[in-house]
PDB file of N, CA and C in Angstrom:
ATOM      1  N   MET A   1       0.945  -1.626  -0.434  1.00  0.00           N
ATOM      2  CA  MET A   1      -0.031  -0.021  -0.279  1.00  0.00           C
ATOM      3  C   MET A   1       0.799   1.228  -0.023  1.00  0.00           C
ATOM      4  N   ARG A   2       0.703   2.213  -1.017  1.00  0.00           N
ATOM      5  CA  ARG A   2       1.519   3.286  -0.957  1.00  0.00           C
ATOM      6  C   ARG A   2       0.588   4.319  -0.105  1.00  0.00           C
ATOM      7  N   ASN A   3       2.289   5.044   0.910  1.00  0.00           N
ATOM      8  CA  ASN A   3       1.949   6.038   1.342  1.00  0.00           C
ATOM      9  C   ASN A   3       0.867   6.884  -0.241  1.00  0.00           C
ATOM     10  N   THR A   4       0.097   7.821   1.112  1.00  0.00           N
ATOM     11  CA  THR A   4      -0.787   9.036   0.450  1.00  0.00           C
ATOM     12  C   THR A   4      -0.618  10.089   1.679  1.00  0.00           C
ATOM     13  N   TYR A   5       0.710  10.295   2.229  1.00  0.00           N
ATOM     14  CA  TYR A   5       0.550  11.416   2.671  1.00  0.00           C
ATOM     15  C   TYR A   5       1.419  12.621   1.448  1.00  0.00           C
ATOM     16  N   ARG A   6       1.153  13.609   1.235  1.00  0.00           N
ATOM     17  CA  ARG A   6       2.413  14.733   0.755  1.00  0.00           C
ATOM     18  C   ARG A   6       3.077  14.998   1.325  1.00  0.00           C
ATOM     19  N   LYS A   7       4.436  15.206   0.685  1.00  0.00           N
ATOM     20  CA  LYS A   7       5.157  15.997   1.484  1.00  0.00           C
ATOM     21  C   LYS A   7       5.207  17.214   2.509  1.00  0.00           C
ATOM     22  N   GLY A   8       4.860  17.429   3.477  1.00  0.00           N
ATOM     23  CA  GLY A   8       4.415  18.878   4.604  1.00  0.00           C
ATOM     24  C   GLY A   8       3.080  18.901   4.401  1.00  0.00           C
ATOM     25  N   GLY A   9       2.982  17.859   4.136  1.00  0.00           N
ATOM     26  CA  GLY A   9       1.034  17.833   4.927  1.00  0.00           C
ATOM     27  C   GLY A   9       1.088  17.633   6.403  1.00  0.00           C
ATOM     28  N   HIS A  10       0.197  17.118   6.713  1.00  0.00           N
ATOM     29  CA  HIS A  10      -0.820  17.498   7.976  1.00  0.00           C
ATOM     30  C   HIS A  10       0.212  16.239   8.642  1.00  0.00           C
ATOM     31  N   LEU A  11       0.248  14.827   8.613  1.00  0.00           N
ATOM     32  CA  LEU A  11       2.236  14.317   8.844  1.00  0.00           C
ATOM     33  C   LEU A  11       2.890  13.995   9.475  1.00  0.00           C
ATOM     34  N   ASP A  12       3.623  15.698   8.218  1.00  0.00           N
ATOM     35  CA  ASP A  12       4.291  15.844   8.720  1.00  0.00           C
ATOM     36  C   ASP A  12       4.661  17.282   9.252  1.00  0.00           C
ATOM     37  N   ARG A  13       3.620  18.167   9.837  1.00  0.00           N
ATOM     38  CA  ARG A  13       3.419  19.057  10.797  1.00  0.00           C
ATOM     39  C   ARG A  13       3.081  18.737  12.504  1.00  0.00           C
ATOM     40  N   ALA A  14       2.924  17.725  12.330  1.00  0.00           N
ATOM     41  CA  ALA A  14       2.549  16.667  13.662  1.00  0.00           C
ATOM     42  C   ALA A  14       3.702  16.230  13.838  1.00  0.00           C
ATOM     43  N   ILE A  15       4.461  15.353  13.236  1.00  0.00           N
ATOM     44  CA  ILE A  15       5.959  14.565  13.655  1.00  0.00           C
ATOM     45  C   ILE A  15       6.542  16.428  13.715  1.00  0.00           C
ATOM     46  N   LYS A  16       6.696  17.333  12.999  1.00  0.00           N
ATOM     47  CA  LYS A  16       7.257  18.430  13.656  1.00  0.00           C
ATOM     48  C   LYS A  16       7.547  19.054  14.722  1.00  0.00           C
ATOM     49  N   LEU A  17       6.119  19.642  14.892  1.00  0.00           N
ATOM     50  CA  LEU A  17       5.598  19.093  16.506  1.00  0.00           C
ATOM     51  C   LEU A  17       6.066  18.695  17.678  1.00  0.00           C
ATOM     52  N   PHE A  18       5.998  17.395  17.116  1.00  0.00           N
ATOM     53  CA  PHE A  18       6.289  16.652  18.286  1.00  0.00           C
ATOM     54  C   PHE A  18       7.725  16.578  18.506  1.00  0.00           C
ATOM     55  N   GLU A  19       8.900  16.672  17.896  1.00  0.00           N
ATOM     56  CA  GLU A  19      10.230  16.692  17.654  1.00  0.00           C
ATOM     57  C   GLU A  19      10.169  18.229  18.854  1.00  0.00           C
ATOM     58  N   ARG A  20       9.403  19.393  17.685  1.00  0.00           N
ATOM     59  CA  ARG A  20       9.575  20.624  18.901  1.00  0.00           C
ATOM     60  C   ARG A  20       9.526  20.318  20.530  1.00  0.00           C
ATOM     61  N   GLU A  21       8.128  19.783  20.665  1.00  0.00           N
ATOM     62  CA  GLU A  21       7.589  19.211  22.216  1.00  0.00           C
ATOM     63  C   GLU A  21       8.472  18.071  23.149  1.00  0.00           C
ATOM     64  N   ALA A  22       9.474  17.818  21.742  1.00  0.00           N
ATOM     65  CA  ALA A  22      10.708  16.602  23.214  1.00  0.00           C
ATOM     66  C   ALA A  22      11.514  17.209  22.794  1.00  0.00           C
ATOM     67  N   LYS A  23      11.671  18.189  22.165  1.00  0.00           N
ATOM     68  CA  LYS A  23      13.354  19.257  22.721  1.00  0.00           C
ATOM     69  C   LYS A  23      13.134  20.158  23.840  1.00  0.00           C
ATOM     70  N   ALA A  24      11.729  20.535  24.043  1.00  0.00           N
ATOM     71  CA  ALA A  24      11.607  21.516  25.004  1.00  0.00           C
ATOM     72  C   ALA A  24      11.266  21.145  26.071  1.00  0.00           C
ATOM     73  N   GLY A  25      11.258  19.731  26.250  1.00  0.00           N
ATOM     74  CA  GLY A  25      11.051  18.825  27.154  1.00  0.00           C
ATOM     75  C   GLY A  25       9.718  18.444  27.389  1.00  0.00           C
ATOM     76  N   PHE A  26       8.863  19.458  27.229  1.00  0.00           N
ATOM     77  CA  PHE A  26       7.165  18.537  27.210  1.00  0.00           C
ATOM     78  C   PHE A  26       6.776  17.554  27.092  1.00  0.00           C
ATOM     79  N   LYS A  27       6.256  16.524  27.944  1.00  0.00           N
ATOM     80  CA  LYS A  27       5.918  14.998  28.163  1.00  0.00           C
ATOM     81  C   LYS A  27       4.852  15.008  27.848  1.00  0.00           C
ATOM     82  N   ALA A  28       4.156  15.195  26.795  1.00  0.00           N
ATOM     83  CA  ALA A  28       2.968  14.827  26.416  1.00  0.00           C
ATOM     84  C   ALA A  28       1.442  14.465  27.389  1.00  0.00           C
ATOM     85  N   SER A  29       1.738  13.592  27.898  1.00  0.00           N
ATOM     86  CA  SER A  29       0.564  13.109  29.075  1.00  0.00           C
ATOM     87  C   SER A  29       0.787  11.718  30.215  1.00  0.00           C
ATOM     88  N   ARG A  30      -0.403  11.746  31.026  1.00  0.00           N
ATOM     89  CA  ARG A  30       0.594  10.821  31.723  1.00  0.00           C
ATOM     90  C   ARG A  30      -0.108   9.636  31.665  1.00  0.00           C
ATOM     91  N   SER A  31       0.726   8.669  32.764  1.00  0.00           N
ATOM     92  CA  SER A  31      -0.057   7.614  32.553  1.00  0.00           C
ATOM     93  C   SER A  31      -1.686   7.100  32.355  1.00  0.00           C
ATOM     94  N   THR A  32      -2.115   5.843  32.064  1.00  0.00           N
ATOM     95  CA  THR A  32      -2.828   5.591  31.722  1.00  0.00           C
ATOM     96  C   THR A  32      -3.787   4.964  33.923  1.00  0.00           C
ATOM     97  N   GLU A  33      -2.887   4.772  34.639  1.00  0.00           N
ATOM     98  CA  GLU A  33      -2.756   4.180  35.359  1.00  0.00           C
ATOM     99  C   GLU A  33      -3.365   5.775  36.693  1.00  0.00           C
ATOM    100  N   SER A  34      -2.844   6.627  36.074  1.00  0.00           N
ATOM    101  CA  SER A  34      -2.657   8.152  36.936  1.00  0.00           C
ATOM    102  C   SER A  34      -4.229   8.432  36.711  1.00  0.00           C
ATOM    103  N   GLY A  35      -4.494   8.205  35.148  1.00  0.00           N
ATOM    104  CA  GLY A  35      -5.774   8.711  34.830  1.00  0.00           C
ATOM    105  C   GLY A  35      -6.022   9.454  33.193  1.00  0.00           C
ATOM    106  N   ALA A  36      -4.627   9.240  32.611  1.00  0.00           N
ATOM    107  CA  ALA A  36      -4.296   9.898  31.211  1.00  0.00           C
ATOM    108  C   ALA A  36      -4.393  11.498  31.064  1.00  0.00           C
ATOM    109  N   GLY A  37      -4.337  12.026  29.460  1.00  0.00           N
ATOM    110  CA  GLY A  37      -4.965  13.856  29.981  1.00  0.00           C
ATOM    111  C   GLY A  37      -3.273  14.510  30.605  1.00  0.00           C
ATOM    112  N   MET A  38      -2.854  15.258  30.445  1.00  0.00           N
ATOM    113  CA  MET A  38      -1.743  16.265  30.937  1.00  0.00           C
ATOM    114  C   MET A  38      -2.387  16.962  31.965  1.00  0.00           C
ATOM    115  N   THR A  39      -0.977  16.949  32.924  1.00  0.00           N
ATOM    116  CA  THR A  39      -1.144  17.497  34.552  1.00  0.00           C
ATOM    117  C   THR A  39      -0.511  19.006  33.913  1.00  0.00           C
ATOM    118  N   GLN A  40      -1.168  19.888  34.975  1.00  0.00           N
ATOM    119  CA  GLN A  40      -0.977  21.505  34.871  1.00  0.00           C
ATOM    120  C   GLN A  40       0.235  22.021  34.778  1.00  0.00           C
ATOM    121  N   ALA A  41       1.651  20.993  34.751  1.00  0.00           N
ATOM    122  CA  ALA A  41       2.654  21.313  34.509  1.00  0.00           C
ATOM    123  C   ALA A  41       2.344  21.236  33.250  1.00  0.00           C
ATOM    124  N   ASP A  42       2.384  20.233  32.103  1.00  0.00           N
ATOM    125  CA  ASP A  42       2.548  20.168  31.271  1.00  0.00           C
ATOM    126  C   ASP A  42       1.351  21.353  30.569  1.00  0.00           C
ATOM    127  N   VAL A  43       0.757  21.604  30.929  1.00  0.00           N
ATOM    128  CA  VAL A  43      -0.438  22.294  29.846  1.00  0.00           C
ATOM    129  C   VAL A  43      -0.250  23.709  29.984  1.00  0.00           C
ATOM    130  N   ASN A  44       1.188  24.149  31.027  1.00  0.00           N
ATOM    131  CA  ASN A  44       2.020  25.145  31.006  1.00  0.00           C
ATOM    132  C   ASN A  44       3.343  25.353  30.595  1.00  0.00           C
ATOM    133  N   ALA A  45       3.675  24.485  30.177  1.00  0.00           N
ATOM    134  CA  ALA A  45       5.096  23.977  28.976  1.00  0.00           C
ATOM    135  C   ALA A  45       3.973  24.776  28.217  1.00  0.00           C
ATOM    136  N   TYR A  46       3.462  23.841  27.415  1.00  0.00           N
ATOM    137  CA  TYR A  46       2.002  23.938  25.758  1.00  0.00           C
ATOM    138  C   TYR A  46       1.865  25.502  25.747  1.00  0.00           C
ATOM    139  N   ARG A  47       2.014  25.414  26.797  1.00  0.00           N
ATOM    140  CA  ARG A  47       1.149  27.515  26.454  1.00  0.00           C
ATOM    141  C   ARG A  47       2.605  27.827  26.918  1.00  0.00           C
ATOM    142  N   ARG A  48       3.500  28.144  27.305  1.00  0.00           N
ATOM    143  CA  ARG A  48       4.617  28.467  26.910  1.00  0.00           C
ATOM    144  C   ARG A  48       5.399  28.708  25.537  1.00  0.00           C
ATOM    145  N   ASN A  49       5.124  27.215  24.998  1.00  0.00           N
ATOM    146  CA  ASN A  49       5.622  26.902  23.625  1.00  0.00           C
ATOM    147  C   ASN A  49       4.676  27.361  23.027  1.00  0.00           C
ATOM    148  N   ASN A  50       2.591  27.466  22.531  1.00  0.00           N
ATOM    149  CA  ASN A  50       2.213  27.833  22.391  1.00  0.00           C
ATOM    150  C   ASN A  50       1.561  28.984  22.128  1.00  0.00           C
ATOM    151  N   PRO A  51       2.323  30.598  22.458  1.00  0.00           N
ATOM    152  CA  PRO A  51       1.769  31.503  22.953  1.00  0.00           C
ATOM    153  C   PRO A  51       0.004  31.565  22.227  1.00  0.00           C
ATOM    154  N   GLY A  52      -0.846  32.525  23.145  1.00  0.00           N
ATOM    155  CA  GLY A  52      -2.608  32.673  22.423  1.00  0.00           C
ATOM    156  C   GLY A  52      -3.534  30.697  22.638  1.00  0.00           C
ATOM    157  N   SER A  53      -2.386  29.762  23.484  1.00  0.00           N
ATOM    158  CA  SER A  53      -3.384  28.693  23.019  1.00  0.00           C
ATOM    159  C   SER A  53      -3.981  28.819  24.335  1.00  0.00           C
ATOM    160  N   LYS A  54      -5.190  28.359  24.785  1.00  0.00           N
ATOM    161  CA  LYS A  54      -6.831  28.622  25.190  1.00  0.00           C
ATOM    162  C   LYS A  54      -6.255  27.177  26.348  1.00  0.00           C
ATOM    163  N   LEU A  55      -5.379  26.013  26.111  1.00  0.00           N
ATOM    164  CA  LEU A  55      -5.530  24.573  26.500  1.00  0.00           C
ATOM    165  C   LEU A  55      -5.669  24.528  27.529  1.00  0.00           C
ATOM    166  N   LYS A  56      -6.989  23.931  28.518  1.00  0.00           N
ATOM    167  CA  LYS A  56      -6.378  23.803  30.186  1.00  0.00           C
ATOM    168  C   LYS A  56      -6.886  22.074  30.237  1.00  0.00           C
ATOM    169  N   THR A  57      -6.449  21.864  31.494  1.00  0.00           N
ATOM    170  CA  THR A  57      -6.185  21.019  32.386  1.00  0.00           C
ATOM    171  C   THR A  57      -8.105  20.196  32.116  1.00  0.00           C
ATOM    172  N   ALA A  58      -8.155  18.859  32.650  1.00  0.00           N
ATOM    173  CA  ALA A  58      -9.428  17.541  32.787  1.00  0.00           C
ATOM    174  C   ALA A  58     -10.110  18.717  34.136  1.00  0.00           C
ATOM    175  N   VAL A  59     -11.524  18.643  33.939  1.00  0.00           N
ATOM    176  CA  VAL A  59     -12.197  19.520  34.498  1.00  0.00           C
ATOM    177  C   VAL A  59     -13.004  17.910  35.691  1.00  0.00           C
ATOM    178  N   THR A  60     -12.091  17.617  36.821  1.00  0.00           N
ATOM    179  CA  THR A  60     -12.184  16.928  37.783  1.00  0.00           C
ATOM    180  C   THR A  60     -13.128  17.083  39.480  1.00  0.00           C
ATOM    181  N   SER A  61     -13.596  18.493  39.445  1.00  0.00           N
ATOM    182  CA  SER A  61     -13.897  18.972  40.075  1.00  0.00           C
ATOM    183  C   SER A  61     -15.748  18.542  40.589  1.00  0.00           C
ATOM    184  N   LYS A  62     -16.183  18.120  41.528  1.00  0.00           N
ATOM    185  CA  LYS A  62     -17.464  16.789  42.253  1.00  0.00           C
ATOM    186  C   LYS A  62     -18.251  18.532  41.198  1.00  0.00           C
ATOM    187  N   ASN A  63     -18.603  19.386  41.383  1.00  0.00           N
ATOM    188  CA  ASN A  63     -19.141  20.739  41.659  1.00  0.00           C
ATOM    189  C   ASN A  63     -18.776  21.578  40.844  1.00  0.00           C
ATOM    190  N   PRO A  64     -18.439  21.976  39.458  1.00  0.00           N
ATOM    191  CA  PRO A  64     -18.238  23.032  38.714  1.00  0.00           C
ATOM    192  C   PRO A  64     -18.779  23.628  38.700  1.00  0.00           C
ATOM    193  N   SER A  65     -17.779  24.823  37.864  1.00  0.00           N
ATOM    194  CA  SER A  65     -19.153  25.933  37.580  1.00  0.00           C
ATOM    195  C   SER A  65     -19.348  25.944  36.390  1.00  0.00           C
ATOM    196  N   LYS A  66     -20.366  27.046  35.884  1.00  0.00           N
ATOM    197  CA  LYS A  66     -21.512  26.226  34.907  1.00  0.00           C
ATOM    198  C   LYS A  66     -20.424  26.186  33.257  1.00  0.00           C
ATOM    199  N   SER A  67     -19.326  26.878  32.941  1.00  0.00           N
ATOM    200  CA  SER A  67     -19.079  27.412  32.479  1.00  0.00           C
ATOM    201  C   SER A  67     -18.070  26.202  32.109  1.00  0.00           C
ATOM    202  N   ASP A  68     -17.168  25.111  33.684  1.00  0.00           N
ATOM    203  CA  ASP A  68     -16.903  24.168  33.006  1.00  0.00           C
ATOM    204  C   ASP A  68     -17.478  22.944  33.009  1.00  0.00           C
ATOM    205  N   SER A  69     -19.052  23.248  33.673  1.00  0.00           N
ATOM    206  CA  SER A  69     -19.762  21.581  33.514  1.00  0.00           C
ATOM    207  C   SER A  69     -19.991  22.350  31.824  1.00  0.00           C
ATOM    208  N   LYS A  70     -20.022  22.547  31.048  1.00  0.00           N
ATOM    209  CA  LYS A  70     -20.222  23.259  30.034  1.00  0.00           C
ATOM    210  C   LYS A  70     -19.194  22.007  28.884  1.00  0.00           C
ATOM    211  N   ARG A  71     -17.542  22.329  29.395  1.00  0.00           N
ATOM    212  CA  ARG A  71     -16.399  22.053  28.743  1.00  0.00           C
ATOM    213  C   ARG A  71     -16.494  20.098  28.800  1.00  0.00           C
ATOM    214  N   ARG A  72     -17.477  19.594  30.191  1.00  0.00           N
ATOM    215  CA  ARG A  72     -16.687  18.626  30.771  1.00  0.00           C
ATOM    216  C   ARG A  72     -17.884  17.689  29.640  1.00  0.00           C
ATOM    217  N   SER A  73     -19.310  18.244  29.900  1.00  0.00           N
ATOM    218  CA  SER A  73     -20.102  17.878  28.391  1.00  0.00           C
ATOM    219  C   SER A  73     -20.061  17.700  27.270  1.00  0.00           C
ATOM    220  N   SER A  74     -19.377  18.352  26.585  1.00  0.00           N
ATOM    221  CA  SER A  74     -19.059  18.547  25.088  1.00  0.00           C
ATOM    222  C   SER A  74     -17.456  17.430  25.286  1.00  0.00           C
ATOM    223  N   TYR A  75     -16.629  17.407  26.068  1.00  0.00           N
ATOM    224  CA  TYR A  75     -15.614  16.730  26.623  1.00  0.00           C
ATOM    225  C   TYR A  75     -16.043  14.913  26.649  1.00  0.00           C
ATOM    226  N   CYS A  76     -17.514  15.039  27.293  1.00  0.00           N
ATOM    227  CA  CYS A  76     -18.120  13.529  27.254  1.00  0.00           C
ATOM    228  C   CYS A  76     -18.168  13.011  26.083  1.00  0.00           C
ATOM    229  N   SER A  77     -19.659  13.988  25.278  1.00  0.00           N
ATOM    230  CA  SER A  77     -19.875  13.902  24.347  1.00  0.00           C
ATOM    231  C   SER A  77     -18.856  12.816  23.096  1.00  0.00           C
ATOM    232  N   ARG A  78     -17.937  14.473  22.771  1.00  0.00           N
ATOM    233  CA  ARG A  78     -17.032  14.186  21.488  1.00  0.00           C
ATOM    234  C   ARG A  78     -16.152  12.793  21.717  1.00  0.00           C
ATOM    235  N   SER A  79     -15.790  12.856  23.182  1.00  0.00           N
ATOM    236  CA  SER A  79     -15.085  11.426  23.658  1.00  0.00           C
ATOM    237  C   SER A  79     -15.458  10.069  23.554  1.00  0.00           C
ATOM    238  N   LEU A  80     -17.102   9.538  23.288  1.00  0.00           N
ATOM    239  CA  LEU A  80     -18.231   9.231  23.365  1.00  0.00           C
ATOM    240  C   LEU A  80     -18.298   8.993  21.195  1.00  0.00           C
ATOM    241  N   GLY A  81     -18.506   9.936  21.360  1.00  0.00           N
ATOM    242  CA  GLY A  81     -18.192   9.584  19.241  1.00  0.00           C
ATOM    243  C   GLY A  81     -16.701   8.617  19.390  1.00  0.00           C
ATOM    244  N   GLN A  82     -16.041   9.492  19.726  1.00  0.00           N
ATOM    245  CA  GLN A  82     -14.811   7.985  19.406  1.00  0.00           C
ATOM    246  C   GLN A  82     -14.262   7.201  19.348  1.00  0.00           C
ATOM    247  N   MET A  83     -15.463   6.946  20.882  1.00  0.00           N
ATOM    248  CA  MET A  83     -14.806   5.039  21.472  1.00  0.00           C
ATOM    249  C   MET A  83     -16.259   4.123  20.766  1.00  0.00           C
ATOM    250  N   LYS A  84     -17.630   5.100  20.127  1.00  0.00           N
ATOM    251  CA  LYS A  84     -18.157   4.413  19.240  1.00  0.00           C
ATOM    252  C   LYS A  84     -17.163   4.039  17.816  1.00  0.00           C
ATOM    253  N   MET A  85     -16.840   5.336  17.255  1.00  0.00           N
ATOM    254  CA  MET A  85     -16.200   4.890  16.306  1.00  0.00           C
ATOM    255  C   MET A  85     -14.986   4.012  15.917  1.00  0.00           C
ATOM    256  N   HIS A  86     -14.345   3.560  17.268  1.00  0.00           N
ATOM    257  CA  HIS A  86     -12.826   2.642  17.244  1.00  0.00           C
ATOM    258  C   HIS A  86     -14.231   1.620  17.676  1.00  0.00           C
ATOM    259  N   ASN A  87     -14.637   1.311  18.530  1.00  0.00           N
ATOM    260  CA  ASN A  87     -15.768   0.330  19.031  1.00  0.00           C
ATOM    261  C   ASN A  87     -14.770  -0.600  20.833  1.00  0.00           C
ATOM    262  N   ILE A  88     -15.084   0.378  20.509  1.00  0.00           N
ATOM    263  CA  ILE A  88     -13.839   0.414  22.143  1.00  0.00           C
ATOM    264  C   ILE A  88     -14.826   0.859  23.362  1.00  0.00           C
ATOM    265  N   ASN A  89     -14.713  -0.902  24.268  1.00  0.00           N
ATOM    266  CA  ASN A  89     -15.940  -0.850  25.521  1.00  0.00           C
ATOM    267  C   ASN A  89     -15.272  -0.484  26.613  1.00  0.00           C
ATOM    268  N   CYS A  90     -15.225   0.462  27.612  1.00  0.00           N
ATOM    269  CA  CYS A  90     -14.307   0.456  28.836  1.00  0.00           C
ATOM    270  C   CYS A  90     -14.338  -0.462  29.350  1.00  0.00           C
ATOM    271  N   SER A  91     -15.416  -0.915  29.908  1.00  0.00           N
ATOM    272  CA  SER A  91     -16.073  -2.572  30.646  1.00  0.00           C
ATOM    273  C   SER A  91     -14.972  -4.073  30.354  1.00  0.00           C
ATOM    274  N   LYS A  92     -14.958  -3.677  29.200  1.00  0.00           N
ATOM    275  CA  LYS A  92     -14.208  -4.967  28.581  1.00  0.00           C
ATOM    276  C   LYS A  92     -12.531  -4.619  28.728  1.00  0.00           C
ATOM    277  N   THR A  93     -12.745  -3.077  28.070  1.00  0.00           N
ATOM    278  CA  THR A  93     -11.037  -3.057  28.085  1.00  0.00           C
ATOM    279  C   THR A  93     -10.873  -1.553  29.053  1.00  0.00           C
ATOM    280  N   PRO A  94     -10.675  -1.512  30.597  1.00  0.00           N
ATOM    281  CA  PRO A  94     -10.530  -0.186  30.799  1.00  0.00           C
ATOM    282  C   PRO A  94      -9.702  -0.025  31.032  1.00  0.00           C
ATOM    283  N   GLU A  95      -8.327  -0.385  30.128  1.00  0.00           N
ATOM    284  CA  GLU A  95      -6.299   0.075  30.348  1.00  0.00           C
ATOM    285  C   GLU A  95      -6.845   0.712  29.524  1.00  0.00           C
ATOM    286  N   LYS A  96      -7.542   0.857  28.145  1.00  0.00           N
ATOM    287  CA  LYS A  96      -7.425   2.187  26.913  1.00  0.00           C
ATOM    288  C   LYS A  96      -7.197   3.565  27.992  1.00  0.00           C
ATOM    289  N   ARG A  97      -6.714   4.135  27.320  1.00  0.00           N
ATOM    290  CA  ARG A  97      -6.486   5.301  27.453  1.00  0.00           C
ATOM    291  C   ARG A  97      -7.403   6.681  27.693  1.00  0.00           C
ATOM    292  N   ILE A  98      -8.609   6.187  25.912  1.00  0.00           N
ATOM    293  CA  ILE A  98      -9.512   6.896  26.004  1.00  0.00           C
ATOM    294  C   ILE A  98     -10.622   6.436  27.343  1.00  0.00           C
ATOM    295  N   CYS A  99     -10.603   5.209  27.926  1.00  0.00           N
ATOM    296  CA  CYS A  99     -11.134   5.095  29.128  1.00  0.00           C
ATOM    297  C   CYS A  99     -10.818   5.783  30.459  1.00  0.00           C
ATOM    298  N   ALA A 100      -9.207   5.809  30.696  1.00  0.00           N
ATOM    299  CA  ALA A 100      -9.140   6.907  31.889  1.00  0.00           C
ATOM    300  C   ALA A 100      -9.084   7.968  32.048  1.00  0.00           C
ATOM    301  N   ALA A 101      -9.072   8.570  30.715  1.00  0.00           N
ATOM    302  CA  ALA A 101      -9.783  10.221  30.412  1.00  0.00           C
ATOM    303  C   ALA A 101     -10.536  10.196  30.907  1.00  0.00           C
ATOM    304  N   ARG A 102     -11.914   9.181  30.333  1.00  0.00           N
ATOM    305  CA  ARG A 102     -13.185   9.398  30.406  1.00  0.00           C
ATOM    306  C   ARG A 102     -13.792   9.279  31.676  1.00  0.00           C
ATOM    307  N   ARG A 103     -12.576   8.740  32.732  1.00  0.00           N
ATOM    308  CA  ARG A 103     -13.049   8.392  34.792  1.00  0.00           C
ATOM    309  C   ARG A 103     -12.546   9.281  35.188  1.00  0.00           C
ATOM    310  N   ARG A 104     -10.728  10.152  34.563  1.00  0.00           N
ATOM    311  CA  ARG A 104     -10.828  11.663  34.899  1.00  0.00           C
ATOM    312  C   ARG A 104     -11.887  12.526  35.055  1.00  0.00           C
ATOM    313  N   TRP A 105     -12.320  12.985  33.978  1.00  0.00           N
ATOM    314  CA  TRP A 105     -13.139  13.977  33.135  1.00  0.00           C
ATOM    315  C   TRP A 105     -15.141  13.247  34.497  1.00  0.00           C
ATOM    316  N   ARG A 106     -14.746  12.274  34.815  1.00  0.00           N
ATOM    317  CA  ARG A 106     -16.632  11.952  35.421  1.00  0.00           C
ATOM    318  C   ARG A 106     -17.230  11.591  34.091  1.00  0.00           C
ATOM    319  N   CYS A 107     -17.284  11.155  33.154  1.00  0.00           N
ATOM    320  CA  CYS A 107     -17.864  10.951  32.401  1.00  0.00           C
ATOM    321  C   CYS A 107     -18.809   9.629  32.799  1.00  0.00           C
TER     322      CYS A 107
END
């Protein structure tokens, strides 16, 4: 099967971004045992490298504000779509990264 990616396409940009973050000492995410996702230190490092970014950590509080509640709801519905698209069942495979992240977000 031929590689259909163009030179300079989205795959090249993703690889360059990953290499730049690796050089900066940016760790992409936490382990699945500790809930997946990014720590506050990771988010701060990302925002230093990407000025203007509005990236935030997971909404983990039990009584979030109205805007945080909307963020949580939006993430939960988006991640549910990803699970359905990839046929992931968290009751059978709870160690998957998406399942750990959804537990952390309290979906």
